[in-house]
N, C-alpha and C. Protein backbone atom coordinates (compact mmCIF):
# COMPACT_ATOMS: atom_id res chain seq x y z
N MET A 1 -19.20 12.87 19.67
CA MET A 1 -18.81 13.32 18.33
C MET A 1 -20.00 13.21 17.38
N LYS A 2 -20.32 14.25 16.70
CA LYS A 2 -21.49 14.26 15.84
C LYS A 2 -21.21 13.58 14.51
N LYS A 3 -22.28 13.02 13.99
CA LYS A 3 -22.19 12.40 12.67
C LYS A 3 -22.00 13.49 11.62
N HIS A 4 -21.18 13.22 10.57
CA HIS A 4 -20.93 14.26 9.58
C HIS A 4 -20.89 13.68 8.19
N ASN A 5 -21.30 14.52 7.23
CA ASN A 5 -21.21 14.20 5.80
C ASN A 5 -21.87 12.88 5.43
N GLY A 6 -22.83 12.43 6.24
CA GLY A 6 -23.52 11.20 5.91
C GLY A 6 -22.70 9.95 6.15
N ASP A 7 -21.49 10.07 6.71
CA ASP A 7 -20.64 8.92 6.96
C ASP A 7 -21.00 8.28 8.29
N LYS A 8 -20.54 7.01 8.45
CA LYS A 8 -20.86 6.27 9.65
C LYS A 8 -19.83 6.57 10.74
N THR A 9 -19.77 7.82 11.20
CA THR A 9 -18.82 8.24 12.21
C THR A 9 -19.59 8.73 13.42
N LEU A 10 -19.50 8.04 14.55
CA LEU A 10 -20.30 8.39 15.70
C LEU A 10 -19.59 7.94 16.97
N ASN A 11 -19.57 8.84 17.99
CA ASN A 11 -19.01 8.51 19.29
C ASN A 11 -17.58 7.95 19.20
N LYS A 12 -16.74 8.64 18.42
CA LYS A 12 -15.35 8.25 18.23
C LYS A 12 -15.20 6.84 17.67
N ILE A 13 -16.14 6.44 16.84
CA ILE A 13 -16.06 5.18 16.11
C ILE A 13 -16.23 5.49 14.63
N LEU A 14 -15.28 5.04 13.83
CA LEU A 14 -15.37 5.18 12.38
C LEU A 14 -15.72 3.81 11.81
N ASP A 15 -16.95 3.65 11.39
CA ASP A 15 -17.42 2.38 10.85
C ASP A 15 -17.15 2.35 9.35
N ALA A 16 -16.06 1.69 8.98
CA ALA A 16 -15.62 1.66 7.58
C ALA A 16 -15.97 0.35 6.88
N ARG A 17 -16.82 -0.44 7.48
CA ARG A 17 -17.24 -1.69 6.85
C ARG A 17 -18.02 -1.41 5.57
N GLY A 18 -17.68 -2.12 4.51
CA GLY A 18 -18.37 -1.93 3.24
C GLY A 18 -17.80 -0.82 2.39
N TRP A 19 -16.80 -0.11 2.88
CA TRP A 19 -16.21 0.99 2.11
C TRP A 19 -15.12 0.45 1.19
N ALA A 20 -15.11 0.92 -0.03
CA ALA A 20 -14.08 0.52 -0.99
C ALA A 20 -12.80 1.31 -0.74
N CYS A 21 -11.66 0.70 -1.08
CA CYS A 21 -10.37 1.37 -1.01
C CYS A 21 -10.39 2.58 -1.95
N PRO A 22 -9.87 3.76 -1.55
CA PRO A 22 -9.10 4.01 -0.33
C PRO A 22 -9.89 4.73 0.77
N LYS A 23 -11.22 4.69 0.73
CA LYS A 23 -12.01 5.49 1.66
C LYS A 23 -11.68 5.23 3.14
N PRO A 24 -11.48 3.97 3.59
CA PRO A 24 -11.14 3.78 5.00
C PRO A 24 -9.89 4.55 5.42
N VAL A 25 -8.89 4.57 4.54
CA VAL A 25 -7.65 5.29 4.85
C VAL A 25 -7.89 6.80 4.84
N LEU A 26 -8.62 7.30 3.86
CA LEU A 26 -8.87 8.74 3.76
C LEU A 26 -9.66 9.25 4.96
N GLU A 27 -10.69 8.50 5.36
CA GLU A 27 -11.53 8.95 6.48
C GLU A 27 -10.78 8.84 7.81
N THR A 28 -9.93 7.82 7.93
CA THR A 28 -9.10 7.70 9.13
C THR A 28 -8.14 8.88 9.22
N LYS A 29 -7.56 9.25 8.09
CA LYS A 29 -6.63 10.38 8.05
C LYS A 29 -7.33 11.67 8.48
N LYS A 30 -8.59 11.86 8.06
CA LYS A 30 -9.35 13.05 8.47
C LYS A 30 -9.58 13.06 9.97
N MET A 31 -9.97 11.92 10.53
CA MET A 31 -10.25 11.86 11.96
C MET A 31 -9.00 12.10 12.79
N LEU A 32 -7.85 11.64 12.29
CA LEU A 32 -6.60 11.82 13.02
C LEU A 32 -6.22 13.30 13.17
N GLN A 33 -6.76 14.14 12.30
CA GLN A 33 -6.46 15.57 12.38
C GLN A 33 -7.14 16.22 13.58
N ASN A 34 -8.21 15.61 14.09
CA ASN A 34 -8.99 16.23 15.16
C ASN A 34 -9.20 15.35 16.39
N THR A 35 -8.85 14.08 16.30
CA THR A 35 -9.15 13.14 17.37
C THR A 35 -7.91 12.36 17.76
N ASN A 36 -7.65 12.26 19.05
CA ASN A 36 -6.46 11.56 19.53
C ASN A 36 -6.69 10.09 19.81
N GLU A 37 -7.94 9.70 19.98
CA GLU A 37 -8.23 8.31 20.32
C GLU A 37 -9.60 7.92 19.77
N PHE A 38 -9.64 6.89 18.95
CA PHE A 38 -10.91 6.42 18.40
C PHE A 38 -10.73 5.01 17.84
N THR A 39 -11.84 4.42 17.41
CA THR A 39 -11.84 3.05 16.89
C THR A 39 -12.32 3.05 15.45
N VAL A 40 -11.59 2.32 14.60
CA VAL A 40 -12.00 2.13 13.21
C VAL A 40 -12.42 0.68 13.04
N ILE A 41 -13.60 0.47 12.44
CA ILE A 41 -14.09 -0.89 12.20
C ILE A 41 -14.00 -1.17 10.70
N VAL A 42 -13.30 -2.23 10.33
CA VAL A 42 -13.18 -2.63 8.92
C VAL A 42 -13.62 -4.07 8.77
N ASP A 43 -13.77 -4.52 7.51
CA ASP A 43 -14.28 -5.87 7.30
C ASP A 43 -13.39 -6.73 6.40
N ASN A 44 -12.14 -6.30 6.20
CA ASN A 44 -11.23 -7.13 5.40
C ASN A 44 -9.79 -6.86 5.79
N LYS A 45 -8.92 -7.81 5.43
CA LYS A 45 -7.52 -7.75 5.83
C LYS A 45 -6.78 -6.58 5.21
N ALA A 46 -7.07 -6.29 3.93
CA ALA A 46 -6.38 -5.18 3.25
C ALA A 46 -6.65 -3.86 3.97
N ALA A 47 -7.92 -3.61 4.33
CA ALA A 47 -8.27 -2.37 5.03
C ALA A 47 -7.60 -2.34 6.39
N ARG A 48 -7.55 -3.47 7.07
CA ARG A 48 -6.89 -3.53 8.37
C ARG A 48 -5.42 -3.13 8.26
N GLU A 49 -4.72 -3.69 7.28
CA GLU A 49 -3.29 -3.39 7.11
C GLU A 49 -3.07 -1.94 6.72
N ASN A 50 -3.89 -1.43 5.81
CA ASN A 50 -3.71 -0.06 5.33
C ASN A 50 -4.00 0.97 6.40
N VAL A 51 -5.09 0.78 7.15
CA VAL A 51 -5.43 1.72 8.22
C VAL A 51 -4.39 1.64 9.34
N SER A 52 -3.95 0.44 9.67
CA SER A 52 -2.94 0.28 10.72
C SER A 52 -1.64 0.97 10.35
N ARG A 53 -1.25 0.81 9.07
CA ARG A 53 0.01 1.41 8.63
C ARG A 53 -0.06 2.94 8.68
N LEU A 54 -1.19 3.49 8.24
CA LEU A 54 -1.37 4.94 8.30
C LEU A 54 -1.32 5.42 9.75
N ALA A 55 -1.98 4.69 10.64
CA ALA A 55 -2.03 5.10 12.05
C ALA A 55 -0.63 5.09 12.68
N VAL A 56 0.13 4.06 12.40
CA VAL A 56 1.50 3.98 12.95
C VAL A 56 2.36 5.12 12.42
N LYS A 57 2.25 5.40 11.11
CA LYS A 57 3.01 6.50 10.52
C LYS A 57 2.59 7.85 11.11
N SER A 58 1.36 7.92 11.60
CA SER A 58 0.84 9.16 12.18
C SER A 58 1.11 9.25 13.67
N GLY A 59 1.88 8.31 14.21
CA GLY A 59 2.25 8.36 15.61
C GLY A 59 1.24 7.75 16.56
N CYS A 60 0.50 6.75 16.09
CA CYS A 60 -0.53 6.12 16.93
C CYS A 60 -0.09 4.73 17.40
N GLU A 61 -0.59 4.37 18.57
CA GLU A 61 -0.56 2.98 18.99
C GLU A 61 -1.81 2.32 18.41
N VAL A 62 -1.68 1.09 17.92
CA VAL A 62 -2.81 0.40 17.30
C VAL A 62 -3.03 -0.94 18.00
N GLU A 63 -4.26 -1.12 18.48
CA GLU A 63 -4.65 -2.40 19.07
C GLU A 63 -5.72 -3.03 18.18
N VAL A 64 -5.46 -4.25 17.73
CA VAL A 64 -6.37 -4.92 16.80
C VAL A 64 -7.22 -5.94 17.56
N GLU A 65 -8.53 -5.88 17.34
CA GLU A 65 -9.45 -6.80 17.98
C GLU A 65 -10.39 -7.36 16.91
N GLU A 66 -10.33 -8.66 16.68
CA GLU A 66 -11.18 -9.29 15.68
C GLU A 66 -12.44 -9.82 16.33
N LYS A 67 -13.59 -9.38 15.83
CA LYS A 67 -14.88 -9.81 16.34
C LYS A 67 -15.68 -10.45 15.21
N GLY A 68 -16.83 -11.00 15.55
CA GLY A 68 -17.65 -11.66 14.56
C GLY A 68 -18.20 -10.72 13.51
N ASP A 69 -18.37 -9.44 13.88
CA ASP A 69 -18.96 -8.48 12.94
C ASP A 69 -17.94 -7.56 12.29
N GLY A 70 -16.66 -7.80 12.52
CA GLY A 70 -15.65 -6.95 11.89
C GLY A 70 -14.33 -6.94 12.65
N ILE A 71 -13.38 -6.19 12.11
CA ILE A 71 -12.06 -6.02 12.74
C ILE A 71 -12.02 -4.62 13.34
N TYR A 72 -11.80 -4.56 14.65
CA TYR A 72 -11.80 -3.29 15.39
C TYR A 72 -10.36 -2.84 15.62
N LEU A 73 -10.05 -1.66 15.10
CA LEU A 73 -8.71 -1.08 15.26
C LEU A 73 -8.81 0.08 16.23
N HIS A 74 -8.25 -0.10 17.42
CA HIS A 74 -8.30 0.94 18.45
C HIS A 74 -7.04 1.80 18.32
N LEU A 75 -7.22 3.04 17.94
CA LEU A 75 -6.11 3.96 17.68
C LEU A 75 -5.96 4.96 18.81
N LYS A 76 -4.73 5.16 19.25
CA LYS A 76 -4.44 6.16 20.28
C LYS A 76 -3.20 6.92 19.87
N LYS A 77 -3.36 8.22 19.63
CA LYS A 77 -2.26 9.03 19.14
C LYS A 77 -1.30 9.39 20.26
N GLU A 78 -0.02 9.29 19.96
CA GLU A 78 1.01 9.71 20.90
C GLU A 78 1.22 11.21 20.78
N SER A 79 2.19 11.75 21.46
CA SER A 79 2.33 13.21 21.60
C SER A 79 2.98 13.89 20.41
N GLU A 80 3.50 13.10 19.44
CA GLU A 80 4.18 13.71 18.29
C GLU A 80 3.23 14.57 17.49
N SER A 81 3.71 15.68 16.95
CA SER A 81 2.85 16.59 16.20
C SER A 81 2.59 16.07 14.81
N ILE A 82 1.46 16.48 14.22
CA ILE A 82 1.11 16.11 12.85
C ILE A 82 2.13 16.66 11.88
N GLU A 83 2.64 17.88 12.14
CA GLU A 83 3.60 18.49 11.22
C GLU A 83 4.86 17.65 11.13
N THR A 84 5.32 17.11 12.27
CA THR A 84 6.53 16.29 12.27
C THR A 84 6.31 15.03 11.46
N GLU A 85 5.15 14.40 11.63
CA GLU A 85 4.83 13.18 10.88
C GLU A 85 4.80 13.44 9.40
N GLN A 86 4.21 14.55 8.99
CA GLN A 86 4.12 14.87 7.57
C GLN A 86 5.50 15.15 6.99
N ASP A 87 6.36 15.83 7.73
CA ASP A 87 7.70 16.11 7.26
C ASP A 87 8.48 14.82 7.04
N ASN A 88 8.35 13.87 7.99
CA ASN A 88 9.04 12.60 7.86
C ASN A 88 8.55 11.81 6.66
N GLU A 89 7.24 11.91 6.38
CA GLU A 89 6.67 11.18 5.25
C GLU A 89 7.23 11.70 3.94
N VAL A 90 7.41 13.02 3.82
CA VAL A 90 7.98 13.60 2.60
C VAL A 90 9.41 13.13 2.43
N GLU A 91 10.18 13.11 3.53
CA GLU A 91 11.58 12.69 3.44
C GLU A 91 11.69 11.24 2.99
N GLU A 92 10.72 10.41 3.38
CA GLU A 92 10.75 9.00 3.01
C GLU A 92 10.66 8.83 1.49
N TYR A 93 9.89 9.69 0.84
CA TYR A 93 9.68 9.53 -0.58
C TYR A 93 10.82 10.10 -1.42
N ILE A 94 11.46 11.16 -0.98
CA ILE A 94 12.47 11.83 -1.79
C ILE A 94 13.84 11.23 -1.48
N SER A 95 14.38 10.45 -2.41
CA SER A 95 15.63 9.76 -2.13
C SER A 95 16.71 10.06 -3.16
N CYS A 96 16.42 10.87 -4.15
CA CYS A 96 17.44 11.28 -5.11
C CYS A 96 17.10 12.68 -5.60
N GLU A 97 17.98 13.27 -6.35
CA GLU A 97 17.87 14.69 -6.70
C GLU A 97 16.54 15.03 -7.36
N ASN A 98 16.07 14.19 -8.25
CA ASN A 98 14.84 14.48 -8.98
C ASN A 98 13.63 13.70 -8.48
N GLY A 99 13.72 13.11 -7.29
CA GLY A 99 12.62 12.31 -6.78
C GLY A 99 12.81 10.84 -7.13
N ASN A 100 11.91 10.02 -6.63
CA ASN A 100 12.02 8.58 -6.81
C ASN A 100 11.78 8.13 -8.25
N ILE A 101 12.45 7.04 -8.63
CA ILE A 101 12.13 6.32 -9.85
C ILE A 101 11.12 5.25 -9.47
N VAL A 102 9.93 5.34 -10.04
CA VAL A 102 8.85 4.41 -9.71
C VAL A 102 8.57 3.51 -10.90
N LEU A 103 8.60 2.21 -10.67
CA LEU A 103 8.29 1.23 -11.69
C LEU A 103 6.84 0.78 -11.49
N PHE A 104 6.00 1.05 -12.47
CA PHE A 104 4.56 0.80 -12.39
C PHE A 104 4.24 -0.42 -13.25
N ILE A 105 3.85 -1.53 -12.60
CA ILE A 105 3.62 -2.78 -13.31
C ILE A 105 2.16 -3.20 -13.13
N ALA A 106 1.42 -3.27 -14.24
CA ALA A 106 -0.01 -3.56 -14.18
C ALA A 106 -0.36 -4.91 -14.80
N SER A 107 0.63 -5.77 -14.98
CA SER A 107 0.38 -7.09 -15.54
C SER A 107 1.49 -8.03 -15.08
N ASP A 108 1.20 -9.34 -15.13
CA ASP A 108 2.25 -10.31 -14.80
C ASP A 108 3.02 -10.72 -16.04
N LYS A 109 2.79 -9.98 -17.14
CA LYS A 109 3.52 -10.22 -18.39
C LYS A 109 3.92 -8.88 -18.99
N VAL A 110 4.85 -8.91 -19.94
CA VAL A 110 5.27 -7.70 -20.63
C VAL A 110 4.71 -7.71 -22.05
N GLY A 111 3.99 -6.64 -22.40
CA GLY A 111 3.51 -6.49 -23.76
C GLY A 111 2.34 -7.39 -24.10
N SER A 112 1.97 -7.41 -25.39
CA SER A 112 0.86 -8.22 -25.88
C SER A 112 1.29 -8.92 -27.15
N GLY A 113 0.54 -9.97 -27.50
CA GLY A 113 0.88 -10.73 -28.70
C GLY A 113 1.12 -12.19 -28.37
N SER A 114 1.89 -12.43 -27.31
CA SER A 114 2.15 -13.79 -26.86
C SER A 114 2.28 -13.79 -25.35
N ASP A 115 1.38 -14.50 -24.66
CA ASP A 115 1.47 -14.60 -23.20
C ASP A 115 2.73 -15.33 -22.77
N GLU A 116 3.12 -16.34 -23.54
CA GLU A 116 4.32 -17.09 -23.20
C GLU A 116 5.55 -16.18 -23.27
N LEU A 117 5.65 -15.42 -24.35
CA LEU A 117 6.76 -14.49 -24.48
C LEU A 117 6.70 -13.41 -23.41
N GLY A 118 5.49 -12.91 -23.12
CA GLY A 118 5.34 -11.89 -22.09
C GLY A 118 5.82 -12.37 -20.73
N GLY A 119 5.58 -13.67 -20.43
CA GLY A 119 6.06 -14.23 -19.17
C GLY A 119 7.57 -14.34 -19.14
N ILE A 120 8.16 -14.71 -20.26
CA ILE A 120 9.62 -14.80 -20.36
C ILE A 120 10.25 -13.42 -20.15
N LEU A 121 9.62 -12.40 -20.78
CA LEU A 121 10.17 -11.05 -20.69
C LEU A 121 10.10 -10.49 -19.28
N ILE A 122 8.98 -10.71 -18.57
CA ILE A 122 8.87 -10.17 -17.21
C ILE A 122 9.92 -10.80 -16.31
N ARG A 123 10.20 -12.09 -16.49
CA ARG A 123 11.24 -12.74 -15.69
C ARG A 123 12.62 -12.16 -16.01
N ALA A 124 12.85 -11.93 -17.30
CA ALA A 124 14.15 -11.38 -17.71
C ALA A 124 14.36 -9.98 -17.16
N PHE A 125 13.34 -9.14 -17.27
CA PHE A 125 13.47 -7.76 -16.78
C PHE A 125 13.64 -7.71 -15.27
N MET A 126 12.86 -8.50 -14.54
CA MET A 126 12.97 -8.48 -13.08
C MET A 126 14.37 -8.88 -12.63
N HIS A 127 14.92 -9.88 -13.30
CA HIS A 127 16.28 -10.29 -12.93
C HIS A 127 17.29 -9.22 -13.31
N THR A 128 17.05 -8.55 -14.43
CA THR A 128 17.97 -7.51 -14.89
C THR A 128 17.98 -6.31 -13.97
N PHE A 129 16.82 -5.98 -13.37
CA PHE A 129 16.75 -4.83 -12.47
C PHE A 129 17.70 -4.98 -11.27
N LEU A 130 18.08 -6.22 -10.96
CA LEU A 130 19.03 -6.45 -9.88
C LEU A 130 20.45 -6.03 -10.27
N GLU A 131 20.70 -6.01 -11.59
CA GLU A 131 22.06 -5.78 -12.08
C GLU A 131 22.30 -4.34 -12.54
N VAL A 132 21.24 -3.63 -12.94
CA VAL A 132 21.42 -2.31 -13.53
C VAL A 132 21.39 -1.21 -12.47
N ASN A 133 21.90 -0.04 -12.85
CA ASN A 133 21.82 1.16 -12.01
C ASN A 133 21.46 2.34 -12.89
N PRO A 134 20.61 3.27 -12.40
CA PRO A 134 20.01 3.20 -11.07
C PRO A 134 18.87 2.20 -11.02
N LYS A 135 18.67 1.61 -9.85
CA LYS A 135 17.53 0.73 -9.65
C LYS A 135 16.29 1.58 -9.36
N PRO A 136 15.11 1.02 -9.58
CA PRO A 136 13.91 1.75 -9.15
C PRO A 136 13.90 1.89 -7.64
N ASN A 137 13.39 2.99 -7.15
CA ASN A 137 13.24 3.17 -5.71
C ASN A 137 11.99 2.47 -5.19
N ILE A 138 10.95 2.48 -6.03
CA ILE A 138 9.66 1.90 -5.63
C ILE A 138 9.09 1.13 -6.82
N ILE A 139 8.53 -0.05 -6.53
CA ILE A 139 7.81 -0.83 -7.53
C ILE A 139 6.35 -0.90 -7.10
N ILE A 140 5.45 -0.52 -7.98
CA ILE A 140 4.02 -0.60 -7.71
C ILE A 140 3.43 -1.73 -8.55
N LEU A 141 2.75 -2.66 -7.88
CA LEU A 141 2.11 -3.79 -8.56
C LEU A 141 0.61 -3.60 -8.50
N LEU A 142 -0.01 -3.51 -9.69
CA LEU A 142 -1.44 -3.20 -9.79
C LEU A 142 -2.09 -4.20 -10.75
N ASN A 143 -3.42 -4.40 -10.59
CA ASN A 143 -4.17 -5.31 -11.44
C ASN A 143 -3.44 -6.66 -11.49
N GLY A 144 -3.24 -7.23 -12.69
CA GLY A 144 -2.59 -8.53 -12.78
C GLY A 144 -1.16 -8.53 -12.29
N GLY A 145 -0.57 -7.36 -12.15
CA GLY A 145 0.80 -7.28 -11.66
C GLY A 145 0.97 -7.79 -10.24
N VAL A 146 -0.11 -7.81 -9.45
CA VAL A 146 0.01 -8.29 -8.06
C VAL A 146 0.36 -9.77 -8.01
N LYS A 147 0.08 -10.50 -9.10
CA LYS A 147 0.40 -11.93 -9.13
C LYS A 147 1.91 -12.16 -9.01
N LEU A 148 2.70 -11.15 -9.38
CA LEU A 148 4.15 -11.28 -9.30
C LEU A 148 4.65 -11.36 -7.86
N ALA A 149 3.85 -10.89 -6.92
CA ALA A 149 4.27 -10.85 -5.51
C ALA A 149 3.80 -12.07 -4.73
N THR A 150 3.19 -13.05 -5.38
CA THR A 150 2.61 -14.19 -4.68
C THR A 150 3.62 -15.34 -4.56
N LYS A 151 3.22 -16.33 -3.76
CA LYS A 151 4.10 -17.47 -3.47
C LYS A 151 4.48 -18.26 -4.72
N ASP A 152 3.57 -18.32 -5.69
CA ASP A 152 3.82 -19.12 -6.90
C ASP A 152 4.47 -18.31 -8.03
N SER A 153 4.80 -17.07 -7.77
CA SER A 153 5.35 -16.21 -8.82
C SER A 153 6.75 -16.65 -9.23
N PRO A 154 7.04 -16.67 -10.53
CA PRO A 154 8.38 -17.02 -10.98
C PRO A 154 9.41 -15.92 -10.70
N VAL A 155 8.95 -14.72 -10.32
CA VAL A 155 9.89 -13.63 -10.02
C VAL A 155 9.90 -13.28 -8.54
N GLN A 156 9.32 -14.15 -7.72
CA GLN A 156 9.26 -13.90 -6.28
C GLN A 156 10.64 -13.65 -5.68
N GLU A 157 11.61 -14.48 -6.03
CA GLU A 157 12.96 -14.33 -5.46
C GLU A 157 13.63 -13.06 -5.93
N ASP A 158 13.42 -12.68 -7.19
CA ASP A 158 13.99 -11.44 -7.69
C ASP A 158 13.41 -10.24 -6.94
N LEU A 159 12.10 -10.27 -6.70
CA LEU A 159 11.47 -9.17 -5.95
C LEU A 159 11.99 -9.12 -4.52
N LYS A 160 12.18 -10.28 -3.92
CA LYS A 160 12.72 -10.32 -2.56
C LYS A 160 14.13 -9.75 -2.52
N ASN A 161 14.93 -10.08 -3.53
CA ASN A 161 16.29 -9.56 -3.59
C ASN A 161 16.30 -8.05 -3.82
N LEU A 162 15.38 -7.56 -4.64
CA LEU A 162 15.26 -6.12 -4.85
C LEU A 162 14.85 -5.43 -3.55
N SER A 163 13.94 -6.05 -2.82
CA SER A 163 13.50 -5.50 -1.54
C SER A 163 14.66 -5.42 -0.56
N ARG A 164 15.53 -6.41 -0.58
CA ARG A 164 16.69 -6.42 0.32
C ARG A 164 17.67 -5.30 -0.01
N THR A 165 17.67 -4.85 -1.25
CA THR A 165 18.56 -3.74 -1.62
C THR A 165 17.96 -2.39 -1.28
N GLY A 166 16.72 -2.38 -0.78
CA GLY A 166 16.09 -1.13 -0.39
C GLY A 166 14.95 -0.68 -1.28
N VAL A 167 14.64 -1.47 -2.32
CA VAL A 167 13.53 -1.13 -3.20
C VAL A 167 12.22 -1.39 -2.46
N LYS A 168 11.34 -0.40 -2.44
CA LYS A 168 10.04 -0.53 -1.78
C LYS A 168 9.03 -1.09 -2.78
N ILE A 169 8.29 -2.13 -2.37
CA ILE A 169 7.33 -2.78 -3.25
C ILE A 169 5.93 -2.60 -2.68
N LEU A 170 5.06 -1.91 -3.43
CA LEU A 170 3.68 -1.67 -3.01
C LEU A 170 2.76 -2.56 -3.84
N VAL A 171 1.94 -3.34 -3.15
CA VAL A 171 1.04 -4.29 -3.81
C VAL A 171 -0.40 -3.87 -3.55
N CYS A 172 -1.16 -3.65 -4.59
CA CYS A 172 -2.54 -3.15 -4.48
C CYS A 172 -3.44 -4.13 -3.73
N GLY A 173 -3.99 -3.70 -2.59
CA GLY A 173 -4.84 -4.57 -1.79
C GLY A 173 -6.17 -4.89 -2.46
N THR A 174 -6.75 -3.91 -3.14
CA THR A 174 -8.00 -4.15 -3.86
C THR A 174 -7.81 -5.21 -4.94
N CYS A 175 -6.69 -5.16 -5.63
CA CYS A 175 -6.39 -6.14 -6.69
C CYS A 175 -6.19 -7.53 -6.09
N LEU A 176 -5.50 -7.60 -4.96
CA LEU A 176 -5.31 -8.89 -4.29
C LEU A 176 -6.64 -9.50 -3.89
N ASN A 177 -7.52 -8.67 -3.35
CA ASN A 177 -8.85 -9.16 -2.97
C ASN A 177 -9.63 -9.64 -4.20
N TYR A 178 -9.53 -8.91 -5.29
CA TYR A 178 -10.26 -9.27 -6.51
C TYR A 178 -9.83 -10.64 -7.03
N PHE A 179 -8.51 -10.87 -7.02
CA PHE A 179 -7.99 -12.16 -7.51
C PHE A 179 -7.96 -13.23 -6.42
N GLN A 180 -8.44 -12.88 -5.22
CA GLN A 180 -8.44 -13.79 -4.06
C GLN A 180 -7.03 -14.29 -3.75
N LEU A 181 -6.09 -13.34 -3.71
CA LEU A 181 -4.68 -13.68 -3.49
C LEU A 181 -4.12 -13.05 -2.21
N MET A 182 -5.00 -12.49 -1.36
CA MET A 182 -4.50 -11.78 -0.19
C MET A 182 -3.62 -12.67 0.70
N ASN A 183 -3.98 -13.95 0.82
CA ASN A 183 -3.22 -14.86 1.68
C ASN A 183 -2.03 -15.49 0.96
N GLU A 184 -1.81 -15.11 -0.29
CA GLU A 184 -0.72 -15.69 -1.07
C GLU A 184 0.46 -14.75 -1.24
N VAL A 185 0.39 -13.55 -0.65
CA VAL A 185 1.45 -12.56 -0.82
C VAL A 185 2.74 -13.05 -0.16
N ALA A 186 3.83 -13.02 -0.91
CA ALA A 186 5.12 -13.49 -0.40
C ALA A 186 6.14 -12.37 -0.25
N VAL A 187 5.87 -11.23 -0.90
CA VAL A 187 6.84 -10.13 -0.85
C VAL A 187 6.10 -8.82 -1.05
N GLY A 188 6.60 -7.76 -0.45
CA GLY A 188 6.02 -6.44 -0.64
C GLY A 188 5.06 -6.05 0.46
N GLU A 189 4.56 -4.84 0.34
CA GLU A 189 3.67 -4.23 1.32
C GLU A 189 2.29 -4.04 0.70
N VAL A 190 1.28 -4.64 1.32
CA VAL A 190 -0.09 -4.46 0.81
C VAL A 190 -0.46 -2.99 0.95
N SER A 191 -0.87 -2.37 -0.15
CA SER A 191 -1.09 -0.93 -0.16
C SER A 191 -2.49 -0.60 -0.65
N ASN A 192 -2.73 0.69 -0.90
CA ASN A 192 -4.07 1.17 -1.24
C ASN A 192 -3.97 2.28 -2.28
N ALA A 193 -5.11 2.67 -2.82
CA ALA A 193 -5.14 3.65 -3.90
C ALA A 193 -4.58 5.00 -3.46
N TYR A 194 -4.83 5.38 -2.21
CA TYR A 194 -4.33 6.67 -1.71
C TYR A 194 -2.80 6.71 -1.73
N THR A 195 -2.18 5.69 -1.15
CA THR A 195 -0.71 5.65 -1.08
C THR A 195 -0.10 5.52 -2.47
N ILE A 196 -0.72 4.70 -3.31
CA ILE A 196 -0.19 4.51 -4.67
C ILE A 196 -0.29 5.80 -5.47
N ALA A 197 -1.43 6.49 -5.39
CA ALA A 197 -1.58 7.76 -6.11
C ALA A 197 -0.58 8.79 -5.61
N GLU A 198 -0.41 8.87 -4.30
CA GLU A 198 0.53 9.81 -3.71
C GLU A 198 1.96 9.51 -4.17
N THR A 199 2.31 8.24 -4.22
CA THR A 199 3.65 7.83 -4.65
C THR A 199 3.90 8.21 -6.10
N LEU A 200 2.91 7.99 -6.97
CA LEU A 200 3.05 8.33 -8.38
C LEU A 200 3.20 9.83 -8.58
N LEU A 201 2.41 10.62 -7.84
CA LEU A 201 2.44 12.06 -8.00
C LEU A 201 3.71 12.69 -7.45
N GLN A 202 4.35 12.02 -6.50
CA GLN A 202 5.59 12.55 -5.93
C GLN A 202 6.84 12.03 -6.61
N ALA A 203 6.65 11.14 -7.59
CA ALA A 203 7.80 10.51 -8.25
C ALA A 203 8.55 11.49 -9.14
N GLY A 204 9.86 11.26 -9.25
CA GLY A 204 10.65 12.01 -10.21
C GLY A 204 10.48 11.45 -11.60
N LYS A 205 10.29 10.12 -11.67
CA LYS A 205 10.11 9.45 -12.97
C LYS A 205 9.27 8.21 -12.74
N VAL A 206 8.29 7.98 -13.62
CA VAL A 206 7.47 6.78 -13.58
C VAL A 206 7.71 5.99 -14.85
N VAL A 207 8.09 4.73 -14.69
CA VAL A 207 8.30 3.82 -15.82
C VAL A 207 7.20 2.77 -15.78
N LYS A 208 6.38 2.71 -16.85
CA LYS A 208 5.24 1.80 -16.88
C LYS A 208 5.54 0.56 -17.70
N PHE A 209 5.20 -0.60 -17.13
CA PHE A 209 5.34 -1.87 -17.83
C PHE A 209 3.95 -2.40 -18.20
C-alpha cells in the first residue's frame, strides 16, 4: 500500500501516534473504505477506545496489542457491507419524529456569577432530568463538563440512572486527557470530536448548558 497525502500510512499500517483527536478516527474510517485488514497504531487510551469503537461499528474484529512503543489495533473486516453499517448508524441516531434531543454540557456548573450556586444548580438539573419528559436522548460532556462523569462527581449516580433509562452519554476523550481524568471515568462512553460533531449535526434539538 502506497503512502498518501503525507500521512504515516504504509504496508497496511496506519501510524496514528501523535495525532490529535479526531484524526485517528477519520483516517481509520478512510482506510476501512478500501482495506479489509490492517493495523492502527495509537499512543493513548482515548484513541484506542475511539478507533476500536468505530471498527466494531464498521463490522470489524479488533485485536488489541500493547507494546512499548504504542498500542497496536489489528482490524479485520467481516463480510457485512459498508452500506448496511451506515444505514444502521443512521437508525441509531434517529429515535423520535424530529431527531434526537441532545443535551450539550461544557461545564461542571450552571451559569456564571457564583461557582457554589452553579454546582448546586447542576446537581438540581441532573436530578430533575430523571423526572421530566421528554428526557434527552444523548448527553454530550465537553471541556469542564467531563468532570461530571468521574468517580468523584456529585451527579455520578444521576448520570448512571439516566444511562439505565437509555440516555446515551458521550464524554470527550481529549478533554479527559487534558484534565488527566481518563482513569477516573465512572459513567458514559469516551468519545471524540468526529462522533460529537456528527451527533450535534444530526440532532433534532440541541440544549446547551
